Every structure is written in C-alpha cells, then in structure tokens.
Amino acid sequence: VTPDGDVSMLPFDPAHYSYDASAESLQPVIEQAIG
C-alpha cells in the first residue's frame, strides 16, 4: 500500500528466485506449469 492509498498485489514470479543446487532443474518446469 503506497502512502497515497494505492493497493497492489505482489504476484508470484519465478524470475525473482534463484534455483540452486538440487533445485536448478525446477525453474523451467515451474515456469511452464504455472503459465
């Protein structure tokens, strides 16, 4: 919520995460599955 009262939802975005080690192969799978 901004000081002016504008409300914005924060959507999930895989691009904001790093998928390391055993999770490295998950990013493209998750991106495709979410659509």
All heavy atoms as atom14 arrays in JSON, in Angstrom:
{
  "sequence": "VTPDGDVSMLPFDPAHYSYDASAESLQPVIEQAIG",
  "atom14_mask": [
    [1, 1, 1, 1, 1, 1, 1, 0, 0, 0, 0, 0, 0, 0],
    [1, 1, 1, 1, 1, 1, 1, 0, 0, 0, 0, 0, 0, 0],
    [1, 1, 1, 1, 1, 1, 1, 0, 0, 0, 0, 0, 0, 0],
    [1, 1, 1, 1, 1, 1, 1, 1, 0, 0, 0, 0, 0, 0],
    [1, 1, 1, 1, 0, 0, 0, 0, 0, 0, 0, 0, 0, 0],
    [1, 1, 1, 1, 1, 1, 1, 1, 0, 0, 0, 0, 0, 0],
    [1, 1, 1, 1, 1, 1, 1, 0, 0, 0, 0, 0, 0, 0],
    [1, 1, 1, 1, 1, 1, 0, 0, 0, 0, 0, 0, 0, 0],
    [1, 1, 1, 1, 1, 1, 1, 1, 0, 0, 0, 0, 0, 0],
    [1, 1, 1, 1, 1, 1, 1, 1, 0, 0, 0, 0, 0, 0],
    [1, 1, 1, 1, 1, 1, 1, 0, 0, 0, 0, 0, 0, 0],
    [1, 1, 1, 1, 1, 1, 1, 1, 1, 1, 1, 0, 0, 0],
    [1, 1, 1, 1, 1, 1, 1, 1, 0, 0, 0, 0, 0, 0],
    [1, 1, 1, 1, 1, 1, 1, 0, 0, 0, 0, 0, 0, 0],
    [1, 1, 1, 1, 1, 0, 0, 0, 0, 0, 0, 0, 0, 0],
    [1, 1, 1, 1, 1, 1, 1, 1, 1, 1, 0, 0, 0, 0],
    [1, 1, 1, 1, 1, 1, 1, 1, 1, 1, 1, 1, 0, 0],
    [1, 1, 1, 1, 1, 1, 0, 0, 0, 0, 0, 0, 0, 0],
    [1, 1, 1, 1, 1, 1, 1, 1, 1, 1, 1, 1, 0, 0],
    [1, 1, 1, 1, 1, 1, 1, 1, 0, 0, 0, 0, 0, 0],
    [1, 1, 1, 1, 1, 0, 0, 0, 0, 0, 0, 0, 0, 0],
    [1, 1, 1, 1, 1, 1, 0, 0, 0, 0, 0, 0, 0, 0],
    [1, 1, 1, 1, 1, 0, 0, 0, 0, 0, 0, 0, 0, 0],
    [1, 1, 1, 1, 1, 1, 1, 1, 1, 0, 0, 0, 0, 0],
    [1, 1, 1, 1, 1, 1, 0, 0, 0, 0, 0, 0, 0, 0],
    [1, 1, 1, 1, 1, 1, 1, 1, 0, 0, 0, 0, 0, 0],
    [1, 1, 1, 1, 1, 1, 1, 1, 1, 0, 0, 0, 0, 0],
    [1, 1, 1, 1, 1, 1, 1, 0, 0, 0, 0, 0, 0, 0],
    [1, 1, 1, 1, 1, 1, 1, 0, 0, 0, 0, 0, 0, 0],
    [1, 1, 1, 1, 1, 1, 1, 1, 0, 0, 0, 0, 0, 0],
    [1, 1, 1, 1, 1, 1, 1, 1, 1, 0, 0, 0, 0, 0],
    [1, 1, 1, 1, 1, 1, 1, 1, 1, 0, 0, 0, 0, 0],
    [1, 1, 1, 1, 1, 0, 0, 0, 0, 0, 0, 0, 0, 0],
    [1, 1, 1, 1, 1, 1, 1, 1, 0, 0, 0, 0, 0, 0],
    [1, 1, 1, 1, 0, 0, 0, 0, 0, 0, 0, 0, 0, 0]
  ],
  "atom14_positions": [
    [[0.86, -1.19, 0.0], [0.0, 0.0, 0.0], [0.89, 1.23, 0.0], [1.76, 1.37, 0.87], [-0.93, 0.02, 1.23], [-1.88, 1.21, 1.16], [-1.71, -1.28, 1.35], [0.0, 0.0, 0.0], [0.0, 0.0, 0.0], [0.0, 0.0, 0.0], [0.0, 0.0, 0.0], [0.0, 0.0, 0.0], [0.0, 0.0, 0.0], [0.0, 0.0, 0.0]],
    [[0.71, 2.11, -0.97], [1.51, 3.33, -1.03], [0.97, 4.35, -0.03], [-0.16, 4.23, 0.45], [1.47, 3.93, -2.44], [0.15, 4.43, -2.69], [1.85, 2.9, -3.49], [0.0, 0.0, 0.0], [0.0, 0.0, 0.0], [0.0, 0.0, 0.0], [0.0, 0.0, 0.0], [0.0, 0.0, 0.0], [0.0, 0.0, 0.0], [0.0, 0.0, 0.0]],
    [[1.76, 5.4, 0.27], [1.27, 6.46, 1.15], [-0.01, 7.12, 0.63], [-0.81, 7.64, 1.42], [2.42, 7.46, 1.18], [3.64, 6.62, 0.93], [3.2, 5.58, -0.04], [0.0, 0.0, 0.0], [0.0, 0.0, 0.0], [0.0, 0.0, 0.0], [0.0, 0.0, 0.0], [0.0, 0.0, 0.0], [0.0, 0.0, 0.0], [0.0, 0.0, 0.0]],
    [[-0.24, 7.07, -0.69], [-1.46, 7.65, -1.27], [-2.64, 6.69, -1.23], [-3.75, 7.06, -1.64], [-1.2, 8.05, -2.72], [-0.18, 9.18, -2.82], [-0.12, 9.98, -1.87], [0.52, 9.25, -3.84], [0.0, 0.0, 0.0], [0.0, 0.0, 0.0], [0.0, 0.0, 0.0], [0.0, 0.0, 0.0], [0.0, 0.0, 0.0], [0.0, 0.0, 0.0]],
    [[-2.41, 5.46, -0.76], [-3.52, 4.51, -0.64], [-3.69, 3.58, -1.81], [-4.68, 2.84, -1.87], [0.0, 0.0, 0.0], [0.0, 0.0, 0.0], [0.0, 0.0, 0.0], [0.0, 0.0, 0.0], [0.0, 0.0, 0.0], [0.0, 0.0, 0.0], [0.0, 0.0, 0.0], [0.0, 0.0, 0.0], [0.0, 0.0, 0.0], [0.0, 0.0, 0.0]],
    [[-2.75, 3.55, -2.77], [-2.83, 2.62, -3.89], [-2.43, 1.23, -3.41], [-1.35, 1.04, -2.85], [-1.91, 3.06, -5.03], [-2.38, 4.35, -5.69], [-3.61, 4.5, -5.85], [-1.54, 5.2, -6.03], [0.0, 0.0, 0.0], [0.0, 0.0, 0.0], [0.0, 0.0, 0.0], [0.0, 0.0, 0.0], [0.0, 0.0, 0.0], [0.0, 0.0, 0.0]],
    [[-3.31, 0.26, -3.67], [-3.09, -1.11, -3.22], [-2.69, -1.97, -4.42], [-3.38, -1.98, -5.44], [-4.35, -1.69, -2.56], [-4.11, -3.12, -2.08], [-4.78, -0.81, -1.39], [0.0, 0.0, 0.0], [0.0, 0.0, 0.0], [0.0, 0.0, 0.0], [0.0, 0.0, 0.0], [0.0, 0.0, 0.0], [0.0, 0.0, 0.0], [0.0, 0.0, 0.0]],
    [[-1.57, -2.69, -4.3], [-1.09, -3.55, -5.38], [-0.77, -4.93, -4.84], [-0.06, -5.06, -3.83], [0.17, -2.97, -6.04], [-0.08, -1.68, -6.56], [0.0, 0.0, 0.0], [0.0, 0.0, 0.0], [0.0, 0.0, 0.0], [0.0, 0.0, 0.0], [0.0, 0.0, 0.0], [0.0, 0.0, 0.0], [0.0, 0.0, 0.0], [0.0, 0.0, 0.0]],
    [[-1.28, -5.95, -5.5], [-0.95, -7.33, -5.12], [0.4, -7.7, -5.7], [0.75, -7.33, -6.83], [-2.02, -8.3, -5.63], [-1.73, -9.75, -5.28], [-2.95, -10.88, -5.96], [-2.13, -12.45, -5.66], [0.0, 0.0, 0.0], [0.0, 0.0, 0.0], [0.0, 0.0, 0.0], [0.0, 0.0, 0.0], [0.0, 0.0, 0.0], [0.0, 0.0, 0.0]],
    [[1.2, -8.46, -4.93], [2.5, -8.93, -5.39], [2.34, -10.34, -5.95], [2.18, -11.3, -5.19], [3.5, -8.94, -4.23], [3.76, -7.59, -3.56], [4.7, -7.76, -2.37], [4.34, -6.59, -4.56], [0.0, 0.0, 0.0], [0.0, 0.0, 0.0], [0.0, 0.0, 0.0], [0.0, 0.0, 0.0], [0.0, 0.0, 0.0], [0.0, 0.0, 0.0]],
    [[2.35, -10.51, -7.26], [2.16, -11.84, -7.84], [3.43, -12.67, -7.76], [4.55, -12.13, -7.74], [1.79, -11.53, -9.3], [2.49, -10.25, -9.59], [2.49, -9.46, -8.3], [0.0, 0.0, 0.0], [0.0, 0.0, 0.0], [0.0, 0.0, 0.0], [0.0, 0.0, 0.0], [0.0, 0.0, 0.0], [0.0, 0.0, 0.0], [0.0, 0.0, 0.0]],
    [[3.28, -13.97, -7.71], [4.43, -14.87, -7.72], [5.08, -14.86, -9.1], [4.41, -14.97, -10.13], [4.0, -16.29, -7.37], [5.06, -17.32, -7.62], [6.23, -17.32, -6.87], [4.9, -18.28, -8.62], [7.22, -18.27, -7.12], [5.88, -19.22, -8.86], [7.04, -19.22, -8.11], [0.0, 0.0, 0.0], [0.0, 0.0, 0.0], [0.0, 0.0, 0.0]],
    [[6.41, -14.72, -9.11], [7.16, -14.7, -10.36], [8.45, -15.49, -10.16], [9.32, -15.08, -9.39], [7.48, -13.26, -10.77], [8.16, -13.18, -12.13], [8.55, -14.23, -12.67], [8.32, -12.05, -12.64], [0.0, 0.0, 0.0], [0.0, 0.0, 0.0], [0.0, 0.0, 0.0], [0.0, 0.0, 0.0], [0.0, 0.0, 0.0], [0.0, 0.0, 0.0]],
    [[8.6, -16.64, -10.85], [9.83, -17.45, -10.67], [11.1, -16.69, -10.99], [12.18, -17.03, -10.48], [9.62, -18.61, -11.66], [8.14, -18.69, -11.86], [7.65, -17.28, -11.77], [0.0, 0.0, 0.0], [0.0, 0.0, 0.0], [0.0, 0.0, 0.0], [0.0, 0.0, 0.0], [0.0, 0.0, 0.0], [0.0, 0.0, 0.0], [0.0, 0.0, 0.0]],
    [[11.01, -15.64, -11.81], [12.2, -14.87, -12.17], [12.81, -14.15, -10.98], [13.98, -13.74, -11.02], [11.85, -13.86, -13.27], [0.0, 0.0, 0.0], [0.0, 0.0, 0.0], [0.0, 0.0, 0.0], [0.0, 0.0, 0.0], [0.0, 0.0, 0.0], [0.0, 0.0, 0.0], [0.0, 0.0, 0.0], [0.0, 0.0, 0.0], [0.0, 0.0, 0.0]],
    [[12.05, -13.98, -9.9], [12.56, -13.3, -8.71], [13.32, -14.24, -7.77], [13.79, -13.81, -6.72], [11.41, -12.66, -7.94], [10.78, -11.51, -8.69], [9.52, -11.03, -8.38], [11.23, -10.77, -9.72], [9.24, -10.03, -9.2], [10.25, -9.85, -10.01], [0.0, 0.0, 0.0], [0.0, 0.0, 0.0], [0.0, 0.0, 0.0], [0.0, 0.0, 0.0]],
    [[13.43, -15.52, -8.17], [14.09, -16.51, -7.33], [15.29, -17.11, -8.05], [15.32, -17.21, -9.28], [13.12, -17.64, -6.95], [11.97, -17.2, -6.09], [10.82, -16.66, -6.66], [12.01, -17.33, -4.71], [9.75, -16.25, -5.87], [10.95, -16.93, -3.91], [9.82, -16.39, -4.5], [8.78, -15.99, -3.72], [0.0, 0.0, 0.0], [0.0, 0.0, 0.0]],
    [[16.29, -17.5, -7.26], [17.4, -18.28, -7.8], [17.19, -19.74, -7.4], [16.91, -20.03, -6.24], [18.73, -17.76, -7.27], [18.81, -17.91, -5.87], [0.0, 0.0, 0.0], [0.0, 0.0, 0.0], [0.0, 0.0, 0.0], [0.0, 0.0, 0.0], [0.0, 0.0, 0.0], [0.0, 0.0, 0.0], [0.0, 0.0, 0.0], [0.0, 0.0, 0.0]],
    [[17.31, -20.63, -8.37], [17.11, -22.07, -8.15], [18.49, -22.72, -8.21], [19.05, -22.92, -9.28], [16.18, -22.63, -9.21], [14.78, -22.06, -9.17], [14.5, -20.81, -9.71], [13.73, -22.77, -8.57], [13.22, -20.28, -9.67], [12.44, -22.24, -8.53], [12.2, -20.99, -9.08], [10.92, -20.47, -9.04], [0.0, 0.0, 0.0], [0.0, 0.0, 0.0]],
    [[19.03, -23.02, -7.06], [20.4, -23.52, -6.98], [20.42, -25.01, -6.65], [19.41, -25.6, -6.25], [21.18, -22.75, -5.91], [21.15, -21.24, -6.15], [21.25, -20.83, -7.32], [21.02, -20.48, -5.16], [0.0, 0.0, 0.0], [0.0, 0.0, 0.0], [0.0, 0.0, 0.0], [0.0, 0.0, 0.0], [0.0, 0.0, 0.0], [0.0, 0.0, 0.0]],
    [[21.62, -25.6, -6.8], [21.87, -26.99, -6.41], [20.77, -27.92, -6.95], [20.5, -27.93, -8.14], [22.0, -27.08, -4.89], [0.0, 0.0, 0.0], [0.0, 0.0, 0.0], [0.0, 0.0, 0.0], [0.0, 0.0, 0.0], [0.0, 0.0, 0.0], [0.0, 0.0, 0.0], [0.0, 0.0, 0.0], [0.0, 0.0, 0.0], [0.0, 0.0, 0.0]],
    [[20.14, -28.68, -6.05], [19.14, -29.66, -6.48], [17.88, -29.03, -7.04], [17.04, -29.72, -7.63], [18.76, -30.57, -5.31], [18.24, -29.82, -4.23], [0.0, 0.0, 0.0], [0.0, 0.0, 0.0], [0.0, 0.0, 0.0], [0.0, 0.0, 0.0], [0.0, 0.0, 0.0], [0.0, 0.0, 0.0], [0.0, 0.0, 0.0], [0.0, 0.0, 0.0]],
    [[17.71, -27.71, -6.89], [16.52, -27.03, -7.41], [16.75, -26.44, -8.79], [15.82, -25.9, -9.41], [16.1, -25.92, -6.45], [0.0, 0.0, 0.0], [0.0, 0.0, 0.0], [0.0, 0.0, 0.0], [0.0, 0.0, 0.0], [0.0, 0.0, 0.0], [0.0, 0.0, 0.0], [0.0, 0.0, 0.0], [0.0, 0.0, 0.0], [0.0, 0.0, 0.0]],
    [[17.97, -26.55, -9.31], [18.31, -25.87, -10.56], [17.41, -26.27, -11.72], [17.02, -25.44, -12.54], [19.77, -26.15, -10.91], [20.27, -25.37, -12.12], [21.75, -25.59, -12.37], [22.38, -26.37, -11.61], [22.27, -24.98, -13.32], [0.0, 0.0, 0.0], [0.0, 0.0, 0.0], [0.0, 0.0, 0.0], [0.0, 0.0, 0.0], [0.0, 0.0, 0.0]],
    [[17.04, -27.54, -11.79], [16.23, -28.02, -12.92], [14.75, -27.68, -12.78], [13.97, -27.9, -13.71], [16.38, -29.54, -13.04], [15.92, -30.19, -11.85], [0.0, 0.0, 0.0], [0.0, 0.0, 0.0], [0.0, 0.0, 0.0], [0.0, 0.0, 0.0], [0.0, 0.0, 0.0], [0.0, 0.0, 0.0], [0.0, 0.0, 0.0], [0.0, 0.0, 0.0]],
    [[14.35, -27.14, -11.63], [12.93, -26.9, -11.38], [12.4, -25.64, -12.06], [11.21, -25.56, -12.39], [12.68, -26.79, -9.87], [12.85, -28.06, -9.04], [12.59, -27.76, -7.57], [11.93, -29.16, -9.53], [0.0, 0.0, 0.0], [0.0, 0.0, 0.0], [0.0, 0.0, 0.0], [0.0, 0.0, 0.0], [0.0, 0.0, 0.0], [0.0, 0.0, 0.0]],
    [[13.25, -24.64, -12.25], [12.76, -23.35, -12.73], [11.99, -23.46, -14.06], [10.85, -22.99, -14.14], [13.88, -22.34, -12.86], [13.37, -20.95, -13.26], [14.45, -19.89, -13.15], [15.58, -20.17, -12.81], [14.1, -18.65, -13.45], [0.0, 0.0, 0.0], [0.0, 0.0, 0.0], [0.0, 0.0, 0.0], [0.0, 0.0, 0.0], [0.0, 0.0, 0.0]],
    [[12.54, -24.07, -15.12], [11.77, -24.14, -16.36], [10.5, -24.97, -16.23], [9.47, -24.65, -16.85], [12.75, -24.77, -17.36], [13.78, -25.45, -16.52], [13.89, -24.64, -15.28], [0.0, 0.0, 0.0], [0.0, 0.0, 0.0], [0.0, 0.0, 0.0], [0.0, 0.0, 0.0], [0.0, 0.0, 0.0], [0.0, 0.0, 0.0], [0.0, 0.0, 0.0]],
    [[10.55, -26.0, -15.39], [9.36, -26.84, -15.18], [8.26, -26.03, -14.5], [7.09, -26.07, -14.89], [9.71, -28.09, -14.34], [8.47, -28.92, -14.07], [10.77, -28.91, -15.04], [0.0, 0.0, 0.0], [0.0, 0.0, 0.0], [0.0, 0.0, 0.0], [0.0, 0.0, 0.0], [0.0, 0.0, 0.0], [0.0, 0.0, 0.0], [0.0, 0.0, 0.0]],
    [[8.64, -25.25, -13.48], [7.67, -24.44, -12.74], [7.11, -23.34, -13.64], [5.9, -23.09, -13.66], [8.32, -23.86, -11.47], [8.59, -24.98, -10.47], [7.44, -22.79, -10.85], [9.39, -24.55, -9.26], [0.0, 0.0, 0.0], [0.0, 0.0, 0.0], [0.0, 0.0, 0.0], [0.0, 0.0, 0.0], [0.0, 0.0, 0.0], [0.0, 0.0, 0.0]],
    [[7.98, -22.67, -14.4], [7.52, -21.6, -15.28], [6.5, -22.1, -16.29], [5.48, -21.46, -16.56], [8.72, -20.98, -15.99], [9.61, -20.14, -15.09], [10.84, -19.62, -15.81], [11.15, -20.16, -16.9], [11.49, -18.7, -15.28], [0.0, 0.0, 0.0], [0.0, 0.0, 0.0], [0.0, 0.0, 0.0], [0.0, 0.0, 0.0], [0.0, 0.0, 0.0]],
    [[6.76, -23.29, -16.85], [5.84, -23.84, -17.83], [4.53, -24.28, -17.18], [3.44, -24.08, -17.74], [6.49, -25.02, -18.55], [5.61, -25.62, -19.65], [6.32, -26.74, -20.4], [7.44, -27.1, -20.08], [5.65, -27.28, -21.41], [0.0, 0.0, 0.0], [0.0, 0.0, 0.0], [0.0, 0.0, 0.0], [0.0, 0.0, 0.0], [0.0, 0.0, 0.0]],
    [[4.63, -24.89, -16.01], [3.43, -25.41, -15.34], [2.51, -24.27, -14.88], [1.28, -24.41, -14.92], [3.83, -26.27, -14.15], [0.0, 0.0, 0.0], [0.0, 0.0, 0.0], [0.0, 0.0, 0.0], [0.0, 0.0, 0.0], [0.0, 0.0, 0.0], [0.0, 0.0, 0.0], [0.0, 0.0, 0.0], [0.0, 0.0, 0.0], [0.0, 0.0, 0.0]],
    [[3.09, -23.15, -14.47], [2.29, -22.04, -13.97], [1.56, -21.34, -15.11], [0.37, -21.02, -15.01], [3.17, -21.05, -13.2], [3.63, -21.68, -11.89], [2.42, -19.75, -12.92], [4.6, -20.83, -11.13], [0.0, 0.0, 0.0], [0.0, 0.0, 0.0], [0.0, 0.0, 0.0], [0.0, 0.0, 0.0], [0.0, 0.0, 0.0], [0.0, 0.0, 0.0]],
    [[2.26, -21.11, -16.2], [1.64, -20.4, -17.33], [1.16, -19.02, -16.91], [1.92, -18.22, -16.37], [0.0, 0.0, 0.0], [0.0, 0.0, 0.0], [0.0, 0.0, 0.0], [0.0, 0.0, 0.0], [0.0, 0.0, 0.0], [0.0, 0.0, 0.0], [0.0, 0.0, 0.0], [0.0, 0.0, 0.0], [0.0, 0.0, 0.0], [0.0, 0.0, 0.0]]
  ]
}
